[in-house]
PDB file of N, CA and C in Angstrom:
ATOM      1  N   MET A   1      98.959 141.410  73.802  1.00  0.00           N
ATOM      2  CA  MET A   1      98.235 140.045  73.659  1.00  0.00           C
ATOM      3  C   MET A   1      99.314 139.091  74.517  1.00  0.00           C
ATOM      4  N   ALA A   2      98.772 138.336  75.631  1.00  0.00           N
ATOM      5  CA  ALA A   2      99.698 137.337  76.194  1.00  0.00           C
ATOM      6  C   ALA A   2      99.606 136.112  75.340  1.00  0.00           C
ATOM      7  N   LEU A   3     100.349 135.177  75.513  1.00  0.00           N
ATOM      8  CA  LEU A   3     100.552 133.794  75.190  1.00  0.00           C
ATOM      9  C   LEU A   3      99.647 132.797  75.971  1.00  0.00           C
ATOM     10  N   PRO A   4      98.904 131.757  75.364  1.00  0.00           N
ATOM     11  CA  PRO A   4      97.945 131.274  76.160  1.00  0.00           C
ATOM     12  C   PRO A   4      98.618 130.417  77.390  1.00  0.00           C
ATOM     13  N   ALA A   5      99.669 130.116  76.853  1.00  0.00           N
ATOM     14  CA  ALA A   5     100.465 129.511  78.197  1.00  0.00           C
ATOM     15  C   ALA A   5     100.784 130.288  79.448  1.00  0.00           C
ATOM     16  N   MET A   6     100.742 131.707  79.164  1.00  0.00           N
ATOM     17  CA  MET A   6     101.162 132.449  80.333  1.00  0.00           C
ATOM     18  C   MET A   6     100.059 132.980  81.106  1.00  0.00           C
ATOM     19  N   GLN A   7      98.868 132.744  80.536  1.00  0.00           N
ATOM     20  CA  GLN A   7      97.601 133.370  81.080  1.00  0.00           C
ATOM     21  C   GLN A   7      97.208 132.523  82.081  1.00  0.00           C
ATOM     22  N   GLN A   8      96.150 133.245  83.234  1.00  0.00           N
ATOM     23  CA  GLN A   8      96.051 132.458  84.472  1.00  0.00           C
ATOM     24  C   GLN A   8      94.971 131.498  84.173  1.00  0.00           C
ATOM     25  N   VAL A   9      94.639 130.284  84.523  1.00  0.00           N
ATOM     26  CA  VAL A   9      93.527 129.697  84.459  1.00  0.00           C
ATOM     27  C   VAL A   9      92.762 129.517  85.576  1.00  0.00           C
ATOM     28  N   ARG A  10      91.540 130.137  85.342  1.00  0.00           N
ATOM     29  CA  ARG A  10      90.697 130.320  86.541  1.00  0.00           C
ATOM     30  C   ARG A  10      89.811 128.722  86.756  1.00  0.00           C
ATOM     31  N   CYS A  11      89.273 128.305  85.897  1.00  0.00           N
ATOM     32  CA  CYS A  11      88.579 127.115  86.278  1.00  0.00           C
ATOM     33  C   CYS A  11      88.873 126.000  85.513  1.00  0.00           C
ATOM     34  N   MET A  12      89.982 125.368  86.433  1.00  0.00           N
ATOM     35  CA  MET A  12      90.601 124.174  86.175  1.00  0.00           C
ATOM     36  C   MET A  12      89.742 122.946  86.435  1.00  0.00           C
ATOM     37  N   SER A  13      89.454 122.112  85.295  1.00  0.00           N
ATOM     38  CA  SER A  13      88.560 120.902  85.670  1.00  0.00           C
ATOM     39  C   SER A  13      89.239 120.027  86.381  1.00  0.00           C
ATOM     40  N   ARG A  14      88.762 119.254  87.251  1.00  0.00           N
ATOM     41  CA  ARG A  14      89.463 118.169  88.099  1.00  0.00           C
ATOM     42  C   ARG A  14      88.498 116.850  88.231  1.00  0.00           C
ATOM     43  N   GLY A  15      89.335 115.764  88.588  1.00  0.00           N
ATOM     44  CA  GLY A  15      88.307 114.816  88.545  1.00  0.00           C
ATOM     45  C   GLY A  15      88.716 113.882  87.765  1.00  0.00           C
ATOM     46  N   ASP A  16      89.651 113.899  86.699  1.00  0.00           N
ATOM     47  CA  ASP A  16      89.748 112.877  85.716  1.00  0.00           C
ATOM     48  C   ASP A  16      91.130 112.260  85.909  1.00  0.00           C
ATOM     49  N   GLU A  17      91.773 112.353  86.925  1.00  0.00           N
ATOM     50  CA  GLU A  17      93.130 111.829  87.062  1.00  0.00           C
ATOM     51  C   GLU A  17      93.034 110.284  87.077  1.00  0.00           C
ATOM     52  N   TYR A  18      92.293 109.543  87.581  1.00  0.00           N
ATOM     53  CA  TYR A  18      92.021 107.964  87.809  1.00  0.00           C
ATOM     54  C   TYR A  18      91.659 107.319  86.369  1.00  0.00           C
ATOM     55  N   GLN A  19      92.655 106.766  85.669  1.00  0.00           N
ATOM     56  CA  GLN A  19      92.477 105.839  84.577  1.00  0.00           C
ATOM     57  C   GLN A  19      92.519 104.764  84.917  1.00  0.00           C
ATOM     58  N   PRO A  20      91.818 103.768  85.038  1.00  0.00           N
ATOM     59  CA  PRO A  20      91.944 102.292  85.653  1.00  0.00           C
ATOM     60  C   PRO A  20      92.594 101.320  84.825  1.00  0.00           C
ATOM     61  N   SER A  21      93.744 100.793  85.294  1.00  0.00           N
ATOM     62  CA  SER A  21      94.401  99.657  84.730  1.00  0.00           C
ATOM     63  C   SER A  21      94.644  98.626  85.755  1.00  0.00           C
ATOM     64  N   GLN A  22      94.281  97.314  85.355  1.00  0.00           N
ATOM     65  CA  GLN A  22      94.284  96.078  86.123  1.00  0.00           C
ATOM     66  C   GLN A  22      96.037  96.155  86.459  1.00  0.00           C
ATOM     67  N   ARG A  23      96.668  96.090  85.297  1.00  0.00           N
ATOM     68  CA  ARG A  23      98.154  95.999  85.394  1.00  0.00           C
ATOM     69  C   ARG A  23      98.673  96.636  86.479  1.00  0.00           C
ATOM     70  N   LYS A  24      98.468  97.882  86.186  1.00  0.00           N
ATOM     71  CA  LYS A  24      99.069  99.213  87.182  1.00  0.00           C
ATOM     72  C   LYS A  24      98.657  99.028  88.691  1.00  0.00           C
ATOM     73  N   ARG A  25      97.131  98.666  88.846  1.00  0.00           N
ATOM     74  CA  ARG A  25      96.934  98.346  90.140  1.00  0.00           C
ATOM     75  C   ARG A  25      97.563  97.138  90.862  1.00  0.00           C
ATOM     76  N   LYS A  26      97.724  96.161  89.952  1.00  0.00           N
ATOM     77  CA  LYS A  26      98.378  94.915  90.549  1.00  0.00           C
ATOM     78  C   LYS A  26      99.682  94.955  91.046  1.00  0.00           C
ATOM     79  N   ARG A  27     100.230  96.036  89.957  1.00  0.00           N
ATOM     80  CA  ARG A  27     101.858  95.831  90.301  1.00  0.00           C
ATOM     81  C   ARG A  27     102.224  96.810  91.424  1.00  0.00           C
ATOM     82  N   ARG A  28     101.410  97.687  91.547  1.00  0.00           N
ATOM     83  CA  ARG A  28     101.744  98.689  92.450  1.00  0.00           C
ATOM     84  C   ARG A  28     100.902  98.491  93.853  1.00  0.00           C
ATOM     85  N   HIS A  29     100.093  97.638  94.008  1.00  0.00           N
ATOM     86  CA  HIS A  29      99.096  97.586  95.084  1.00  0.00           C
ATOM     87  C   HIS A  29      99.260  95.816  95.532  1.00  0.00           C
ATOM     88  N   GLY A  30      99.533  95.309  94.561  1.00  0.00           N
ATOM     89  CA  GLY A  30      99.147  93.604  94.642  1.00  0.00           C
ATOM     90  C   GLY A  30      99.939  92.866  95.848  1.00  0.00           C
ATOM     91  N   PHE A  31      99.792  91.742  96.048  1.00  0.00           N
ATOM     92  CA  PHE A  31     100.197  91.111  97.040  1.00  0.00           C
ATOM     93  C   PHE A  31     101.832  90.956  96.896  1.00  0.00           C
ATOM     94  N   LEU A  32     102.146  90.549  95.629  1.00  0.00           N
ATOM     95  CA  LEU A  32     103.498  90.428  95.408  1.00  0.00           C
ATOM     96  C   LEU A  32     104.529  91.675  95.483  1.00  0.00           C
ATOM     97  N   ALA A  33     103.607  92.691  95.018  1.00  0.00           N
ATOM     98  CA  ALA A  33     104.551  93.996  95.422  1.00  0.00           C
ATOM     99  C   ALA A  33     104.568  94.253  96.933  1.00  0.00           C
ATOM    100  N   ARG A  34     103.574  93.884  97.542  1.00  0.00           N
ATOM    101  CA  ARG A  34     103.660  94.129  98.943  1.00  0.00           C
ATOM    102  C   ARG A  34     104.550  93.071  99.755  1.00  0.00           C
ATOM    103  N   LYS A  35     104.746  92.259  99.181  1.00  0.00           N
ATOM    104  CA  LYS A  35     105.852  91.195  99.860  1.00  0.00           C
ATOM    105  C   LYS A  35     107.164  91.500  99.514  1.00  0.00           C
ATOM    106  N   LYS A  36     107.434  92.226  98.590  1.00  0.00           N
ATOM    107  CA  LYS A  36     108.840  92.597  98.119  1.00  0.00           C
ATOM    108  C   LYS A  36     109.339  93.648  99.022  1.00  0.00           C
ATOM    109  N   THR A  37     108.648  94.385  99.799  1.00  0.00           N
ATOM    110  CA  THR A  37     109.162  95.627 100.648  1.00  0.00           C
ATOM    111  C   THR A  37     108.889  95.316 101.869  1.00  0.00           C
ATOM    112  N   LYS A  38     109.967  95.998 102.757  1.00  0.00           N
ATOM    113  CA  LYS A  38     109.671  95.967 104.294  1.00  0.00           C
ATOM    114  C   LYS A  38     108.274  96.899 104.662  1.00  0.00           C
ATOM    115  N   GLY A  39     108.056  97.709 103.912  1.00  0.00           N
ATOM    116  CA  GLY A  39     106.740  98.542 104.180  1.00  0.00           C
ATOM    117  C   GLY A  39     105.689  97.866 103.667  1.00  0.00           C
ATOM    118  N   GLY A  40     105.745  96.991 102.809  1.00  0.00           N
ATOM    119  CA  GLY A  40     104.589  96.384 102.275  1.00  0.00           C
ATOM    120  C   GLY A  40     104.222  95.126 103.084  1.00  0.00           C
ATOM    121  N   ARG A  41     105.417  94.467 103.746  1.00  0.00           N
ATOM    122  CA  ARG A  41     105.281  93.317 104.662  1.00  0.00           C
ATOM    123  C   ARG A  41     104.463  93.863 105.789  1.00  0.00           C
ATOM    124  N   LYS A  42     104.825  95.086 106.206  1.00  0.00           N
ATOM    125  CA  LYS A  42     104.233  95.816 107.715  1.00  0.00           C
ATOM    126  C   LYS A  42     102.700  95.843 107.161  1.00  0.00           C
ATOM    127  N   ILE A  43     102.336  96.446 106.095  1.00  0.00           N
ATOM    128  CA  ILE A  43     101.019  96.583 105.729  1.00  0.00           C
ATOM    129  C   ILE A  43     100.235  95.368 105.544  1.00  0.00           C
ATOM    130  N   LEU A  44     100.708  94.170 104.946  1.00  0.00           N
ATOM    131  CA  LEU A  44     100.297  92.949 105.082  1.00  0.00           C
ATOM    132  C   LEU A  44     100.084  92.479 106.690  1.00  0.00           C
ATOM    133  N   ALA A  45     100.985  92.665 107.505  1.00  0.00           N
ATOM    134  CA  ALA A  45     100.750  92.096 108.833  1.00  0.00           C
ATOM    135  C   ALA A  45      99.615  92.776 109.426  1.00  0.00           C
ATOM    136  N   ARG A  46      99.691  94.181 109.028  1.00  0.00           N
ATOM    137  CA  ARG A  46      98.717  94.858 109.874  1.00  0.00           C
ATOM    138  C   ARG A  46      97.259  94.693 109.668  1.00  0.00           C
ATOM    139  N   ARG A  47      96.941  94.074 108.195  1.00  0.00           N
ATOM    140  CA  ARG A  47      95.717  93.915 107.851  1.00  0.00           C
ATOM    141  C   ARG A  47      95.710  92.347 107.966  1.00  0.00           C
ATOM    142  N   LEU A  48      96.406  91.668 108.099  1.00  0.00           N
ATOM    143  CA  LEU A  48      96.326  90.271 108.847  1.00  0.00           C
ATOM    144  C   LEU A  48      95.917  90.254 110.383  1.00  0.00           C
ATOM    145  N   LYS A  49      96.459  91.130 111.023  1.00  0.00           N
ATOM    146  CA  LYS A  49      96.085  91.466 112.628  1.00  0.00           C
ATOM    147  C   LYS A  49      94.386  91.816 112.628  1.00  0.00           C
ATOM    148  N   LYS A  50      94.256  92.742 111.676  1.00  0.00           N
ATOM    149  CA  LYS A  50      92.955  93.411 111.787  1.00  0.00           C
ATOM    150  C   LYS A  50      91.881  92.202 111.214  1.00  0.00           C
ATOM    151  N   LYS A  51      92.126  91.061 110.727  1.00  0.00           N
ATOM    152  CA  LYS A  51      91.268  90.109 109.953  1.00  0.00           C
ATOM    153  C   LYS A  51      90.664  90.681 108.753  1.00  0.00           C
ATOM    154  N   ARG A  52      91.295  91.474 108.065  1.00  0.00           N
ATOM    155  CA  ARG A  52      90.719  91.846 106.696  1.00  0.00           C
ATOM    156  C   ARG A  52      90.529  90.712 105.737  1.00  0.00           C
ATOM    157  N   GLU A  53      89.436  90.891 104.956  1.00  0.00           N
ATOM    158  CA  GLU A  53      88.978  89.638 104.352  1.00  0.00           C
ATOM    159  C   GLU A  53      89.949  89.659 103.099  1.00  0.00           C
ATOM    160  N   PHE A  54      90.083  90.935 102.658  1.00  0.00           N
ATOM    161  CA  PHE A  54      91.010  91.088 101.126  1.00  0.00           C
ATOM    162  C   PHE A  54      92.294  91.871 102.042  1.00  0.00           C
ATOM    163  N   LEU A  55      93.445  91.145 101.663  1.00  0.00           N
ATOM    164  CA  LEU A  55      94.812  91.758 101.956  1.00  0.00           C
ATOM    165  C   LEU A  55      95.246  92.845 101.143  1.00  0.00           C
ATOM    166  N   THR A  56      95.215  92.558  99.874  1.00  0.00           N
ATOM    167  CA  THR A  56      95.627  93.404  98.880  1.00  0.00           C
ATOM    168  C   THR A  56      94.793  93.351  97.687  1.00  0.00           C
ATOM    169  N   HIS A  57      94.984  93.807  96.475  1.00  0.00           N
ATOM    170  CA  HIS A  57      94.541  93.840  95.251  1.00  0.00           C
ATOM    171  C   HIS A  57      94.632  92.556  94.453  1.00  0.00           C
TER     172      HIS A  57
END
């Protein structure tokens, strides 16, 4: 008899990872978060150059 945690899981369900939260979304991908870092400013510049309607969340 094996422990349940030690048995192989064959049918792992996927697709329930995204649990939306406005606060997390804006803190990670928002305009102020982009402005704070060098890489974020590069993203903003790239999107401005492409004339994107929305730069960030």
